[in-house]
């Protein structure tokens, strides 16, 4: 069954510090929660990391295998492109089963699986 993303009106708006960032999609995971967990993705950079490790995370994951500043997701809504970049994480970032080299960006498409350490999510684009 394909997960359904929550409506944009049901999500918190980005802070004024982030400016007027455009909602471009969601990461979704069913690990640890059979109802699913969703994280909104906005235009520009989205920082993925371990919950409560540092401030300013866009995608805080509750997983001990996720580094504090694990990866960046770069979203360009005008072109419809989204790229993932490992930021030197301890346990690696994987697109499908392929481990990304730190600093290298890889294009991610709708439905692709991304693993941050041992925590897997799927990408849903609007």
PDB file of N, CA and C in Angstrom:
ATOM      1  N   UNK A   1       0.841  -1.184   0.000  1.00  0.00           N
ATOM      2  CA  UNK A   1       0.000   0.000   0.000  1.00  0.00           C
ATOM      3  C   UNK A   1       0.878   1.237   0.000  1.00  0.00           C
ATOM      4  N   UNK A   2       0.605   2.190  -0.861  1.00  0.00           N
ATOM      5  CA  UNK A   2       1.371   3.421  -0.973  1.00  0.00           C
ATOM      6  C   UNK A   2       0.942   4.394   0.120  1.00  0.00           C
ATOM      7  N   UNK A   3       1.897   4.942   0.940  1.00  0.00           N
ATOM      8  CA  UNK A   3       1.524   5.876   1.990  1.00  0.00           C
ATOM      9  C   UNK A   3       0.976   7.168   1.408  1.00  0.00           C
ATOM     10  N   UNK A   4       0.093   7.781   2.143  1.00  0.00           N
ATOM     11  CA  UNK A   4      -0.494   9.047   1.736  1.00  0.00           C
ATOM     12  C   UNK A   4       0.109  10.156   2.568  1.00  0.00           C
ATOM     13  N   UNK A   5       0.639  11.163   1.936  1.00  0.00           N
ATOM     14  CA  UNK A   5       1.251  12.285   2.642  1.00  0.00           C
ATOM     15  C   UNK A   5       0.172  13.149   3.270  1.00  0.00           C
ATOM     16  N   UNK A   6       0.449  13.695   4.465  1.00  0.00           N
ATOM     17  CA  UNK A   6      -0.522  14.593   5.070  1.00  0.00           C
ATOM     18  C   UNK A   6      -0.646  15.857   4.239  1.00  0.00           C
ATOM     19  N   UNK A   7      -1.782  16.507   4.349  1.00  0.00           N
ATOM     20  CA  UNK A   7      -1.976  17.743   3.590  1.00  0.00           C
ATOM     21  C   UNK A   7      -1.038  18.812   4.108  1.00  0.00           C
ATOM     22  N   UNK A   8      -0.657  19.717   3.226  1.00  0.00           N
ATOM     23  CA  UNK A   8       0.271  20.780   3.602  1.00  0.00           C
ATOM     24  C   UNK A   8      -0.288  21.631   4.732  1.00  0.00           C
ATOM     25  N   UNK A   9      -1.605  21.807   4.805  1.00  0.00           N
ATOM     26  CA  UNK A   9      -2.200  22.630   5.855  1.00  0.00           C
ATOM     27  C   UNK A   9      -2.104  21.963   7.220  1.00  0.00           C
ATOM     28  N   UNK A  10      -1.876  20.642   7.271  1.00  0.00           N
ATOM     29  CA  UNK A  10      -1.786  19.932   8.536  1.00  0.00           C
ATOM     30  C   UNK A  10      -0.373  19.974   9.111  1.00  0.00           C
ATOM     31  N   UNK A  11       0.575  20.547   8.358  1.00  0.00           N
ATOM     32  CA  UNK A  11       1.965  20.572   8.794  1.00  0.00           C
ATOM     33  C   UNK A  11       2.345  21.945   9.289  1.00  0.00           C
ATOM     34  N   UNK A  12       3.330  22.003  10.199  1.00  0.00           N
ATOM     35  CA  UNK A  12       3.794  23.301  10.642  1.00  0.00           C
ATOM     36  C   UNK A  12       4.475  24.038   9.496  1.00  0.00           C
ATOM     37  N   UNK A  13       4.319  25.335   9.487  1.00  0.00           N
ATOM     38  CA  UNK A  13       4.959  26.140   8.459  1.00  0.00           C
ATOM     39  C   UNK A  13       6.408  26.359   8.837  1.00  0.00           C
ATOM     40  N   UNK A  14       7.298  26.504   7.828  1.00  0.00           N
ATOM     41  CA  UNK A  14       8.688  26.780   8.155  1.00  0.00           C
ATOM     42  C   UNK A  14       8.790  28.093   8.900  1.00  0.00           C
ATOM     43  N   UNK A  15       9.793  28.214   9.755  1.00  0.00           N
ATOM     44  CA  UNK A  15       9.940  29.424  10.558  1.00  0.00           C
ATOM     45  C   UNK A  15      10.276  30.606   9.665  1.00  0.00           C
ATOM     46  N   UNK A  16      10.045  31.804  10.197  1.00  0.00           N
ATOM     47  CA  UNK A  16      10.338  33.012   9.436  1.00  0.00           C
ATOM     48  C   UNK A  16      11.827  33.103   9.140  1.00  0.00           C
ATOM     49  N   UNK A  17      12.655  32.473   9.973  1.00  0.00           N
ATOM     50  CA  UNK A  17      14.087  32.434   9.753  1.00  0.00           C
ATOM     51  C   UNK A  17      14.394  31.715   8.432  1.00  0.00           C
ATOM     52  N   UNK A  18      13.588  30.753   8.062  1.00  0.00           N
ATOM     53  CA  UNK A  18      13.792  30.003   6.829  1.00  0.00           C
ATOM     54  C   UNK A  18      13.241  30.753   5.616  1.00  0.00           C
ATOM     55  N   UNK A  19      12.520  31.822   5.847  1.00  0.00           N
ATOM     56  CA  UNK A  19      11.940  32.570   4.743  1.00  0.00           C
ATOM     57  C   UNK A  19      10.751  31.841   4.148  1.00  0.00           C
ATOM     58  N   UNK A  20      10.479  32.126   2.903  1.00  0.00           N
ATOM     59  CA  UNK A  20       9.340  31.529   2.210  1.00  0.00           C
ATOM     60  C   UNK A  20       9.789  30.312   1.415  1.00  0.00           C
ATOM     61  N   UNK A  21      10.150  29.267   2.086  1.00  0.00           N
ATOM     62  CA  UNK A  21      10.572  28.037   1.422  1.00  0.00           C
ATOM     63  C   UNK A  21       9.333  27.285   0.942  1.00  0.00           C
ATOM     64  N   UNK A  22       9.433  26.730  -0.250  1.00  0.00           N
ATOM     65  CA  UNK A  22       8.326  26.019  -0.874  1.00  0.00           C
ATOM     66  C   UNK A  22       8.348  24.551  -0.468  1.00  0.00           C
ATOM     67  N   UNK A  23       7.189  24.017  -0.074  1.00  0.00           N
ATOM     68  CA  UNK A  23       7.053  22.601   0.240  1.00  0.00           C
ATOM     69  C   UNK A  23       7.192  21.818  -1.058  1.00  0.00           C
ATOM     70  N   UNK A  24       8.113  20.831  -1.096  1.00  0.00           N
ATOM     71  CA  UNK A  24       8.354  20.071  -2.324  1.00  0.00           C
ATOM     72  C   UNK A  24       8.038  18.584  -2.179  1.00  0.00           C
ATOM     73  N   UNK A  25       7.933  18.105  -0.941  1.00  0.00           N
ATOM     74  CA  UNK A  25       7.651  16.682  -0.752  1.00  0.00           C
ATOM     75  C   UNK A  25       7.796  16.264   0.691  1.00  0.00           C
ATOM     76  N   UNK A  26       7.894  14.950   0.875  1.00  0.00           N
ATOM     77  CA  UNK A  26       7.990  14.378   2.216  1.00  0.00           C
ATOM     78  C   UNK A  26       8.925  13.186   2.203  1.00  0.00           C
ATOM     79  N   UNK A  27       9.537  12.925   3.343  1.00  0.00           N
ATOM     80  CA  UNK A  27      10.155  11.638   3.600  1.00  0.00           C
ATOM     81  C   UNK A  27       9.172  10.883   4.468  1.00  0.00           C
ATOM     82  N   UNK A  28       9.028   9.587   4.249  1.00  0.00           N
ATOM     83  CA  UNK A  28       8.096   8.775   5.033  1.00  0.00           C
ATOM     84  C   UNK A  28       8.804   7.493   5.457  1.00  0.00           C
ATOM     85  N   UNK A  29       8.505   7.054   6.678  1.00  0.00           N
ATOM     86  CA  UNK A  29       9.050   5.798   7.186  1.00  0.00           C
ATOM     87  C   UNK A  29       8.012   5.119   8.071  1.00  0.00           C
ATOM     88  N   UNK A  30       8.031   3.796   8.053  1.00  0.00           N
ATOM     89  CA  UNK A  30       7.161   3.020   8.919  1.00  0.00           C
ATOM     90  C   UNK A  30       7.975   2.268   9.967  1.00  0.00           C
ATOM     91  N   UNK A  31       9.265   2.578  10.083  1.00  0.00           N
ATOM     92  CA  UNK A  31      10.118   1.951  11.084  1.00  0.00           C
ATOM     93  C   UNK A  31       9.744   2.501  12.461  1.00  0.00           C
ATOM     94  N   UNK A  32       9.371   1.620  13.347  1.00  0.00           N
ATOM     95  CA  UNK A  32       9.049   2.034  14.715  1.00  0.00           C
ATOM     96  C   UNK A  32       7.648   2.594  14.897  1.00  0.00           C
ATOM     97  N   UNK A  33       6.908   2.825  13.823  1.00  0.00           N
ATOM     98  CA  UNK A  33       5.557   3.367  13.924  1.00  0.00           C
ATOM     99  C   UNK A  33       4.727   2.842  12.752  1.00  0.00           C
ATOM    100  N   UNK A  34       3.830   1.887  12.992  1.00  0.00           N
ATOM    101  CA  UNK A  34       3.046   1.308  11.892  1.00  0.00           C
ATOM    102  C   UNK A  34       2.123   2.320  11.200  1.00  0.00           C
ATOM    103  N   UNK A  35       1.842   3.450  11.851  1.00  0.00           N
ATOM    104  CA  UNK A  35       1.022   4.501  11.222  1.00  0.00           C
ATOM    105  C   UNK A  35       1.846   5.373  10.292  1.00  0.00           C
ATOM    106  N   UNK A  36       3.148   5.276  10.415  1.00  0.00           N
ATOM    107  CA  UNK A  36       4.051   6.054   9.571  1.00  0.00           C
ATOM    108  C   UNK A  36       4.481   7.352  10.216  1.00  0.00           C
ATOM    109  N   UNK A  37       5.659   7.788   9.827  1.00  0.00           N
ATOM    110  CA  UNK A  37       6.203   9.076  10.247  1.00  0.00           C
ATOM    111  C   UNK A  37       6.499   9.864   8.976  1.00  0.00           C
ATOM    112  N   UNK A  38       6.217  11.170   9.002  1.00  0.00           N
ATOM    113  CA  UNK A  38       6.412  12.012   7.838  1.00  0.00           C
ATOM    114  C   UNK A  38       7.252  13.226   8.218  1.00  0.00           C
ATOM    115  N   UNK A  39       8.159  13.600   7.333  1.00  0.00           N
ATOM    116  CA  UNK A  39       8.950  14.813   7.508  1.00  0.00           C
ATOM    117  C   UNK A  39       8.820  15.636   6.243  1.00  0.00           C
ATOM    118  N   UNK A  40       8.389  16.895   6.342  1.00  0.00           N
ATOM    119  CA  UNK A  40       8.264  17.737   5.152  1.00  0.00           C
ATOM    120  C   UNK A  40       9.640  18.119   4.617  1.00  0.00           C
ATOM    121  N   UNK A  41       9.727  18.258   3.315  1.00  0.00           N
ATOM    122  CA  UNK A  41      10.935  18.731   2.650  1.00  0.00           C
ATOM    123  C   UNK A  41      10.605  20.040   1.954  1.00  0.00           C
ATOM    124  N   UNK A  42      11.489  21.000   2.108  1.00  0.00           N
ATOM    125  CA  UNK A  42      11.286  22.323   1.527  1.00  0.00           C
ATOM    126  C   UNK A  42      12.380  22.627   0.515  1.00  0.00           C
ATOM    127  N   UNK A  43      12.136  23.629  -0.334  1.00  0.00           N
ATOM    128  CA  UNK A  43      13.133  24.053  -1.305  1.00  0.00           C
ATOM    129  C   UNK A  43      14.413  24.452  -0.571  1.00  0.00           C
ATOM    130  N   UNK A  44      15.533  24.262  -1.237  1.00  0.00           N
ATOM    131  CA  UNK A  44      16.829  24.550  -0.634  1.00  0.00           C
ATOM    132  C   UNK A  44      17.379  23.324   0.080  1.00  0.00           C
ATOM    133  N   UNK A  45      18.204  23.570   1.088  1.00  0.00           N
ATOM    134  CA  UNK A  45      18.830  22.474   1.827  1.00  0.00           C
ATOM    135  C   UNK A  45      17.964  22.026   2.990  1.00  0.00           C
ATOM    136  N   UNK A  46      17.907  20.717   3.196  1.00  0.00           N
ATOM    137  CA  UNK A  46      17.205  20.108   4.324  1.00  0.00           C
ATOM    138  C   UNK A  46      18.217  19.230   5.042  1.00  0.00           C
ATOM    139  N   UNK A  47      18.520  19.568   6.295  1.00  0.00           N
ATOM    140  CA  UNK A  47      19.522  18.847   7.072  1.00  0.00           C
ATOM    141  C   UNK A  47      18.884  17.666   7.795  1.00  0.00           C
ATOM    142  N   UNK A  48      19.448  16.479   7.584  1.00  0.00           N
ATOM    143  CA  UNK A  48      18.986  15.239   8.208  1.00  0.00           C
ATOM    144  C   UNK A  48      19.983  14.865   9.295  1.00  0.00           C
ATOM    145  N   UNK A  49      19.456  14.541  10.493  1.00  0.00           N
ATOM    146  CA  UNK A  49      20.352  14.137  11.571  1.00  0.00           C
ATOM    147  C   UNK A  49      19.606  13.464  12.704  1.00  0.00           C
ATOM    148  N   UNK A  50      20.365  13.063  13.714  1.00  0.00           N
ATOM    149  CA  UNK A  50      19.805  12.371  14.873  1.00  0.00           C
ATOM    150  C   UNK A  50      19.072  13.370  15.777  1.00  0.00           C
ATOM    151  N   UNK A  51      17.819  13.038  16.118  1.00  0.00           N
ATOM    152  CA  UNK A  51      16.965  13.882  16.959  1.00  0.00           C
ATOM    153  C   UNK A  51      17.706  14.277  18.242  1.00  0.00           C
ATOM    154  N   UNK A  52      17.591  15.522  18.614  1.00  0.00           N
ATOM    155  CA  UNK A  52      18.143  16.095  19.839  1.00  0.00           C
ATOM    156  C   UNK A  52      19.664  16.150  19.873  1.00  0.00           C
ATOM    157  N   UNK A  53      20.358  15.841  18.766  1.00  0.00           N
ATOM    158  CA  UNK A  53      21.820  15.898  18.750  1.00  0.00           C
ATOM    159  C   UNK A  53      22.308  17.334  18.546  1.00  0.00           C
ATOM    160  N   UNK A  54      21.632  18.071  17.645  1.00  0.00           N
ATOM    161  CA  UNK A  54      21.964  19.467  17.387  1.00  0.00           C
ATOM    162  C   UNK A  54      20.688  20.218  17.078  1.00  0.00           C
ATOM    163  N   UNK A  55      20.758  21.532  17.143  1.00  0.00           N
ATOM    164  CA  UNK A  55      19.612  22.362  16.774  1.00  0.00           C
ATOM    165  C   UNK A  55      19.620  22.597  15.263  1.00  0.00           C
ATOM    166  N   UNK A  56      18.450  22.918  14.730  1.00  0.00           N
ATOM    167  CA  UNK A  56      18.346  23.302  13.338  1.00  0.00           C
ATOM    168  C   UNK A  56      18.155  22.172  12.354  1.00  0.00           C
ATOM    169  N   UNK A  57      17.824  20.985  12.838  1.00  0.00           N
ATOM    170  CA  UNK A  57      17.583  19.880  11.911  1.00  0.00           C
ATOM    171  C   UNK A  57      16.234  20.063  11.214  1.00  0.00           C
ATOM    172  N   UNK A  58      16.207  19.807   9.926  1.00  0.00           N
ATOM    173  CA  UNK A  58      14.953  19.821   9.182  1.00  0.00           C
ATOM    174  C   UNK A  58      14.272  18.459   9.248  1.00  0.00           C
ATOM    175  N   UNK A  59      15.087  17.401   9.342  1.00  0.00           N
ATOM    176  CA  UNK A  59      14.581  16.027   9.405  1.00  0.00           C
ATOM    177  C   UNK A  59      15.262  15.339  10.596  1.00  0.00           C
ATOM    178  N   UNK A  60      14.649  15.451  11.789  1.00  0.00           N
ATOM    179  CA  UNK A  60      15.231  14.808  12.974  1.00  0.00           C
ATOM    180  C   UNK A  60      14.772  13.344  13.065  1.00  0.00           C
ATOM    181  N   UNK A  61      15.724  12.417  12.979  1.00  0.00           N
ATOM    182  CA  UNK A  61      15.407  10.992  13.025  1.00  0.00           C
ATOM    183  C   UNK A  61      15.754  10.427  14.392  1.00  0.00           C
ATOM    184  N   UNK A  62      14.858   9.618  14.922  1.00  0.00           N
ATOM    185  CA  UNK A  62      15.064   8.999  16.228  1.00  0.00           C
ATOM    186  C   UNK A  62      15.729   7.639  16.016  1.00  0.00           C
ATOM    187  N   UNK A  63      17.013   7.670  15.663  1.00  0.00           N
ATOM    188  CA  UNK A  63      17.757   6.445  15.384  1.00  0.00           C
ATOM    189  C   UNK A  63      19.199   6.606  15.852  1.00  0.00           C
ATOM    190  N   UNK A  64      19.686   5.656  16.657  1.00  0.00           N
ATOM    191  CA  UNK A  64      21.069   5.756  17.134  1.00  0.00           C
ATOM    192  C   UNK A  64      22.103   5.547  16.026  1.00  0.00           C
ATOM    193  N   UNK A  65      21.701   5.037  14.858  1.00  0.00           N
ATOM    194  CA  UNK A  65      22.640   4.821  13.758  1.00  0.00           C
ATOM    195  C   UNK A  65      22.728   6.029  12.834  1.00  0.00           C
ATOM    196  N   UNK A  66      21.992   7.082  13.144  1.00  0.00           N
ATOM    197  CA  UNK A  66      22.018   8.308  12.354  1.00  0.00           C
ATOM    198  C   UNK A  66      22.942   9.304  13.034  1.00  0.00           C
ATOM    199  N   UNK A  67      23.861   9.888  12.280  1.00  0.00           N
ATOM    200  CA  UNK A  67      24.795  10.880  12.823  1.00  0.00           C
ATOM    201  C   UNK A  67      24.074  12.192  13.109  1.00  0.00           C
ATOM    202  N   UNK A  68      24.706  13.046  13.911  1.00  0.00           N
ATOM    203  CA  UNK A  68      24.069  14.310  14.282  1.00  0.00           C
ATOM    204  C   UNK A  68      23.846  15.212  13.067  1.00  0.00           C
ATOM    205  N   UNK A  69      24.774  15.264  12.146  1.00  0.00           N
ATOM    206  CA  UNK A  69      24.635  15.977  10.861  1.00  0.00           C
ATOM    207  C   UNK A  69      24.870  14.939   9.775  1.00  0.00           C
ATOM    208  N   UNK A  70      23.901  14.090   9.538  1.00  0.00           N
ATOM    209  CA  UNK A  70      24.086  12.903   8.713  1.00  0.00           C
ATOM    210  C   UNK A  70      24.157  13.200   7.209  1.00  0.00           C
ATOM    211  N   UNK A  71      23.180  13.954   6.705  1.00  0.00           N
ATOM    212  CA  UNK A  71      23.096  14.175   5.259  1.00  0.00           C
ATOM    213  C   UNK A  71      22.340  15.465   4.963  1.00  0.00           C
ATOM    214  N   UNK A  72      22.475  15.908   3.723  1.00  0.00           N
ATOM    215  CA  UNK A  72      21.709  17.046   3.223  1.00  0.00           C
ATOM    216  C   UNK A  72      20.863  16.583   2.053  1.00  0.00           C
ATOM    217  N   UNK A  73      19.634  17.082   2.002  1.00  0.00           N
ATOM    218  CA  UNK A  73      18.769  16.889   0.843  1.00  0.00           C
ATOM    219  C   UNK A  73      18.621  18.270   0.200  1.00  0.00           C
ATOM    220  N   UNK A  74      19.008  18.362  -1.066  1.00  0.00           N
ATOM    221  CA  UNK A  74      18.959  19.623  -1.813  1.00  0.00           C
ATOM    222  C   UNK A  74      17.761  19.556  -2.755  1.00  0.00           C
ATOM    223  N   UNK A  75      16.821  20.475  -2.583  1.00  0.00           N
ATOM    224  CA  UNK A  75      15.607  20.474  -3.403  1.00  0.00           C
ATOM    225  C   UNK A  75      15.527  21.751  -4.234  1.00  0.00           C
ATOM    226  N   UNK A  76      15.334  21.581  -5.531  1.00  0.00           N
ATOM    227  CA  UNK A  76      15.179  22.702  -6.452  1.00  0.00           C
ATOM    228  C   UNK A  76      13.813  22.548  -7.120  1.00  0.00           C
ATOM    229  N   UNK A  77      12.769  23.209  -6.577  1.00  0.00           N
ATOM    230  CA  UNK A  77      11.417  23.004  -7.094  1.00  0.00           C
ATOM    231  C   UNK A  77      11.239  23.442  -8.544  1.00  0.00           C
ATOM    232  N   UNK A  78      11.977  24.447  -8.999  1.00  0.00           N
ATOM    233  CA  UNK A  78      11.820  24.923 -10.370  1.00  0.00           C
ATOM    234  C   UNK A  78      12.152  23.825 -11.383  1.00  0.00           C
ATOM    235  N   UNK A  79      13.150  22.997 -11.043  1.00  0.00           N
ATOM    236  CA  UNK A  79      13.554  21.928 -11.959  1.00  0.00           C
ATOM    237  C   UNK A  79      12.958  20.581 -11.550  1.00  0.00           C
ATOM    238  N   UNK A  80      12.356  20.530 -10.361  1.00  0.00           N
ATOM    239  CA  UNK A  80      11.794  19.277  -9.876  1.00  0.00           C
ATOM    240  C   UNK A  80      12.849  18.294  -9.420  1.00  0.00           C
ATOM    241  N   UNK A  81      14.077  18.766  -9.202  1.00  0.00           N
ATOM    242  CA  UNK A  81      15.176  17.884  -8.812  1.00  0.00           C
ATOM    243  C   UNK A  81      15.373  17.874  -7.309  1.00  0.00           C
ATOM    244  N   UNK A  82      15.751  16.699  -6.805  1.00  0.00           N
ATOM    245  CA  UNK A  82      16.129  16.546  -5.410  1.00  0.00           C
ATOM    246  C   UNK A  82      17.373  15.679  -5.387  1.00  0.00           C
ATOM    247  N   UNK A  83      18.375  16.110  -4.630  1.00  0.00           N
ATOM    248  CA  UNK A  83      19.621  15.368  -4.518  1.00  0.00           C
ATOM    249  C   UNK A  83      19.919  15.106  -3.052  1.00  0.00           C
ATOM    250  N   UNK A  84      20.584  13.971  -2.787  1.00  0.00           N
ATOM    251  CA  UNK A  84      21.001  13.622  -1.440  1.00  0.00           C
ATOM    252  C   UNK A  84      22.524  13.653  -1.405  1.00  0.00           C
ATOM    253  N   UNK A  85      23.056  14.137  -0.266  1.00  0.00           N
ATOM    254  CA  UNK A  85      24.497  14.248  -0.071  1.00  0.00           C
ATOM    255  C   UNK A  85      24.848  13.770   1.329  1.00  0.00           C
ATOM    256  N   UNK A  86      25.752  12.815   1.422  1.00  0.00           N
ATOM    257  CA  UNK A  86      26.252  12.379   2.724  1.00  0.00           C
ATOM    258  C   UNK A  86      27.249  13.425   3.214  1.00  0.00           C
ATOM    259  N   UNK A  87      27.152  13.805   4.488  1.00  0.00           N
ATOM    260  CA  UNK A  87      28.022  14.849   5.027  1.00  0.00           C
ATOM    261  C   UNK A  87      29.161  14.276   5.878  1.00  0.00           C
ATOM    262  N   UNK A  88      29.550  13.037   5.585  1.00  0.00           N
ATOM    263  CA  UNK A  88      30.632  12.402   6.335  1.00  0.00           C
ATOM    264  C   UNK A  88      30.113  11.610   7.515  1.00  0.00           C
ATOM    265  N   UNK A  89      28.930  11.062   7.386  1.00  0.00           N
ATOM    266  CA  UNK A  89      28.304  10.313   8.478  1.00  0.00           C
ATOM    267  C   UNK A  89      29.113   9.062   8.832  1.00  0.00           C
ATOM    268  N   UNK A  90      28.952   8.613  10.057  1.00  0.00           N
ATOM    269  CA  UNK A  90      29.654   7.420  10.531  1.00  0.00           C
ATOM    270  C   UNK A  90      29.145   6.152   9.864  1.00  0.00           C
ATOM    271  N   UNK A  91      27.826   5.989   9.764  1.00  0.00           N
ATOM    272  CA  UNK A  91      27.232   4.750   9.261  1.00  0.00           C
ATOM    273  C   UNK A  91      26.757   4.818   7.818  1.00  0.00           C
ATOM    274  N   UNK A  92      27.032   5.909   7.142  1.00  0.00           N
ATOM    275  CA  UNK A  92      26.764   6.014   5.717  1.00  0.00           C
ATOM    276  C   UNK A  92      25.342   6.398   5.345  1.00  0.00           C
ATOM    277  N   UNK A  93      25.226   6.911   4.131  1.00  0.00           N
ATOM    278  CA  UNK A  93      23.949   7.228   3.497  1.00  0.00           C
ATOM    279  C   UNK A  93      23.861   6.369   2.249  1.00  0.00           C
ATOM    280  N   UNK A  94      22.706   5.736   2.061  1.00  0.00           N
ATOM    281  CA  UNK A  94      22.530   4.797   0.960  1.00  0.00           C
ATOM    282  C   UNK A  94      21.336   5.204   0.114  1.00  0.00           C
ATOM    283  N   UNK A  95      21.520   5.187  -1.190  1.00  0.00           N
ATOM    284  CA  UNK A  95      20.426   5.377  -2.138  1.00  0.00           C
ATOM    285  C   UNK A  95      20.166   3.992  -2.705  1.00  0.00           C
ATOM    286  N   UNK A  96      19.033   3.392  -2.326  1.00  0.00           N
ATOM    287  CA  UNK A  96      18.827   1.978  -2.597  1.00  0.00           C
ATOM    288  C   UNK A  96      19.848   1.214  -1.772  1.00  0.00           C
ATOM    289  N   UNK A  97      20.651   0.398  -2.402  1.00  0.00           N
ATOM    290  CA  UNK A  97      21.711  -0.338  -1.699  1.00  0.00           C
ATOM    291  C   UNK A  97      23.091   0.257  -1.924  1.00  0.00           C
ATOM    292  N   UNK A  98      23.166   1.359  -2.685  1.00  0.00           N
ATOM    293  CA  UNK A  98      24.449   1.977  -3.008  1.00  0.00           C
ATOM    294  C   UNK A  98      24.846   3.008  -1.957  1.00  0.00           C
ATOM    295  N   UNK A  99      26.019   2.797  -1.361  1.00  0.00           N
ATOM    296  CA  UNK A  99      26.521   3.750  -0.372  1.00  0.00           C
ATOM    297  C   UNK A  99      27.098   4.964  -1.090  1.00  0.00           C
ATOM    298  N   UNK A 100      26.701   6.142  -0.625  1.00  0.00           N
ATOM    299  CA  UNK A 100      27.188   7.382  -1.220  1.00  0.00           C
ATOM    300  C   UNK A 100      28.536   7.766  -0.607  1.00  0.00           C
ATOM    301  N   UNK A 101      29.393   8.314  -1.422  1.00  0.00           N
ATOM    302  CA  UNK A 101      30.667   8.839  -0.936  1.00  0.00           C
ATOM    303  C   UNK A 101      30.399  10.196  -0.274  1.00  0.00           C
ATOM    304  N   UNK A 102      31.049  10.495   0.857  1.00  0.00           N
ATOM    305  CA  UNK A 102      30.850  11.796   1.502  1.00  0.00           C
ATOM    306  C   UNK A 102      31.109  12.948   0.536  1.00  0.00           C
ATOM    307  N   UNK A 103      30.187  13.907   0.523  1.00  0.00           N
ATOM    308  CA  UNK A 103      30.313  15.091  -0.315  1.00  0.00           C
ATOM    309  C   UNK A 103      29.763  14.939  -1.725  1.00  0.00           C
ATOM    310  N   UNK A 104      29.536  13.713  -2.165  1.00  0.00           N
ATOM    311  CA  UNK A 104      28.999  13.491  -3.514  1.00  0.00           C
ATOM    312  C   UNK A 104      27.477  13.578  -3.474  1.00  0.00           C
ATOM    313  N   UNK A 105      26.894  14.245  -4.453  1.00  0.00           N
ATOM    314  CA  UNK A 105      25.435  14.358  -4.553  1.00  0.00           C
ATOM    315  C   UNK A 105      24.912  13.352  -5.569  1.00  0.00           C
ATOM    316  N   UNK A 106      23.742  12.773  -5.237  1.00  0.00           N
ATOM    317  CA  UNK A 106      23.073  11.842  -6.143  1.00  0.00           C
ATOM    318  C   UNK A 106      21.616  12.255  -6.280  1.00  0.00           C
ATOM    319  N   UNK A 107      21.100  12.206  -7.496  1.00  0.00           N
ATOM    320  CA  UNK A 107      19.695  12.529  -7.745  1.00  0.00           C
ATOM    321  C   UNK A 107      18.803  11.459  -7.121  1.00  0.00           C
ATOM    322  N   UNK A 108      17.693  11.905  -6.519  1.00  0.00           N
ATOM    323  CA  UNK A 108      16.728  11.007  -5.888  1.00  0.00           C
ATOM    324  C   UNK A 108      15.381  11.237  -6.564  1.00  0.00           C
ATOM    325  N   UNK A 109      14.690  10.145  -6.894  1.00  0.00           N
ATOM    326  CA  UNK A 109      13.396  10.249  -7.541  1.00  0.00           C
ATOM    327  C   UNK A 109      12.268   9.803  -6.628  1.00  0.00           C
ATOM    328  N   UNK A 110      11.025  10.108  -7.009  1.00  0.00           N
ATOM    329  CA  UNK A 110       9.865   9.717  -6.205  1.00  0.00           C
ATOM    330  C   UNK A 110       9.857   8.208  -5.948  1.00  0.00           C
ATOM    331  N   UNK A 111       9.613   7.838  -4.705  1.00  0.00           N
ATOM    332  CA  UNK A 111       9.541   6.436  -4.320  1.00  0.00           C
ATOM    333  C   UNK A 111      10.876   5.807  -4.011  1.00  0.00           C
ATOM    334  N   UNK A 112      11.992   6.518  -4.302  1.00  0.00           N
ATOM    335  CA  UNK A 112      13.305   5.964  -4.003  1.00  0.00           C
ATOM    336  C   UNK A 112      13.478   5.772  -2.505  1.00  0.00           C
ATOM    337  N   UNK A 113      14.226   4.742  -2.163  1.00  0.00           N
ATOM    338  CA  UNK A 113      14.555   4.439  -0.780  1.00  0.00           C
ATOM    339  C   UNK A 113      15.895   5.081  -0.436  1.00  0.00           C
ATOM    340  N   UNK A 114      15.938   5.780   0.702  1.00  0.00           N
ATOM    341  CA  UNK A 114      17.173   6.377   1.206  1.00  0.00           C
ATOM    342  C   UNK A 114      17.375   5.832   2.617  1.00  0.00           C
ATOM    343  N   UNK A 115      18.596   5.408   2.911  1.00  0.00           N
ATOM    344  CA  UNK A 115      18.887   4.901   4.258  1.00  0.00           C
ATOM    345  C   UNK A 115      19.952   5.773   4.882  1.00  0.00           C
ATOM    346  N   UNK A 116      19.640   6.295   6.068  1.00  0.00           N
ATOM    347  CA  UNK A 116      20.569   7.093   6.852  1.00  0.00           C
ATOM    348  C   UNK A 116      21.052   6.202   7.987  1.00  0.00           C
ATOM    349  N   UNK A 117      22.264   5.629   7.857  1.00  0.00           N
ATOM    350  CA  UNK A 117      22.704   4.613   8.813  1.00  0.00           C
ATOM    351  C   UNK A 117      21.805   3.409   8.656  1.00  0.00           C
ATOM    352  N   UNK A 118      21.050   3.071   9.708  1.00  0.00           N
ATOM    353  CA  UNK A 118      20.132   1.936   9.647  1.00  0.00           C
ATOM    354  C   UNK A 118      18.677   2.329   9.526  1.00  0.00           C
ATOM    355  N   UNK A 119      18.379   3.610   9.284  1.00  0.00           N
ATOM    356  CA  UNK A 119      17.005   4.109   9.243  1.00  0.00           C
ATOM    357  C   UNK A 119      16.609   4.401   7.806  1.00  0.00           C
ATOM    358  N   UNK A 120      15.581   3.707   7.313  1.00  0.00           N
ATOM    359  CA  UNK A 120      15.163   3.816   5.915  1.00  0.00           C
ATOM    360  C   UNK A 120      13.915   4.675   5.761  1.00  0.00           C
ATOM    361  N   UNK A 121      13.937   5.526   4.737  1.00  0.00           N
ATOM    362  CA  UNK A 121      12.790   6.375   4.396  1.00  0.00           C
ATOM    363  C   UNK A 121      12.536   6.245   2.892  1.00  0.00           C
ATOM    364  N   UNK A 122      11.362   6.679   2.473  1.00  0.00           N
ATOM    365  CA  UNK A 122      11.023   6.766   1.047  1.00  0.00           C
ATOM    366  C   UNK A 122      10.694   8.216   0.743  1.00  0.00           C
ATOM    367  N   UNK A 123      10.978   8.609  -0.484  1.00  0.00           N
ATOM    368  CA  UNK A 123      10.740   9.969  -0.917  1.00  0.00           C
ATOM    369  C   UNK A 123       9.401  10.076  -1.622  1.00  0.00           C
ATOM    370  N   UNK A 124       8.592  11.042  -1.199  1.00  0.00           N
ATOM    371  CA  UNK A 124       7.340  11.383  -1.877  1.00  0.00           C
ATOM    372  C   UNK A 124       7.464  12.835  -2.327  1.00  0.00           C
ATOM    373  N   UNK A 125       7.340  13.086  -3.618  1.00  0.00           N
ATOM    374  CA  UNK A 125       7.408  14.450  -4.132  1.00  0.00           C
ATOM    375  C   UNK A 125       6.004  14.933  -4.490  1.00  0.00           C
ATOM    376  N   UNK A 126       5.797  16.236  -4.355  1.00  0.00           N
ATOM    377  CA  UNK A 126       4.503  16.833  -4.706  1.00  0.00           C
ATOM    378  C   UNK A 126       4.422  17.082  -6.187  1.00  0.00           C
TER     379      UNK A 126
END
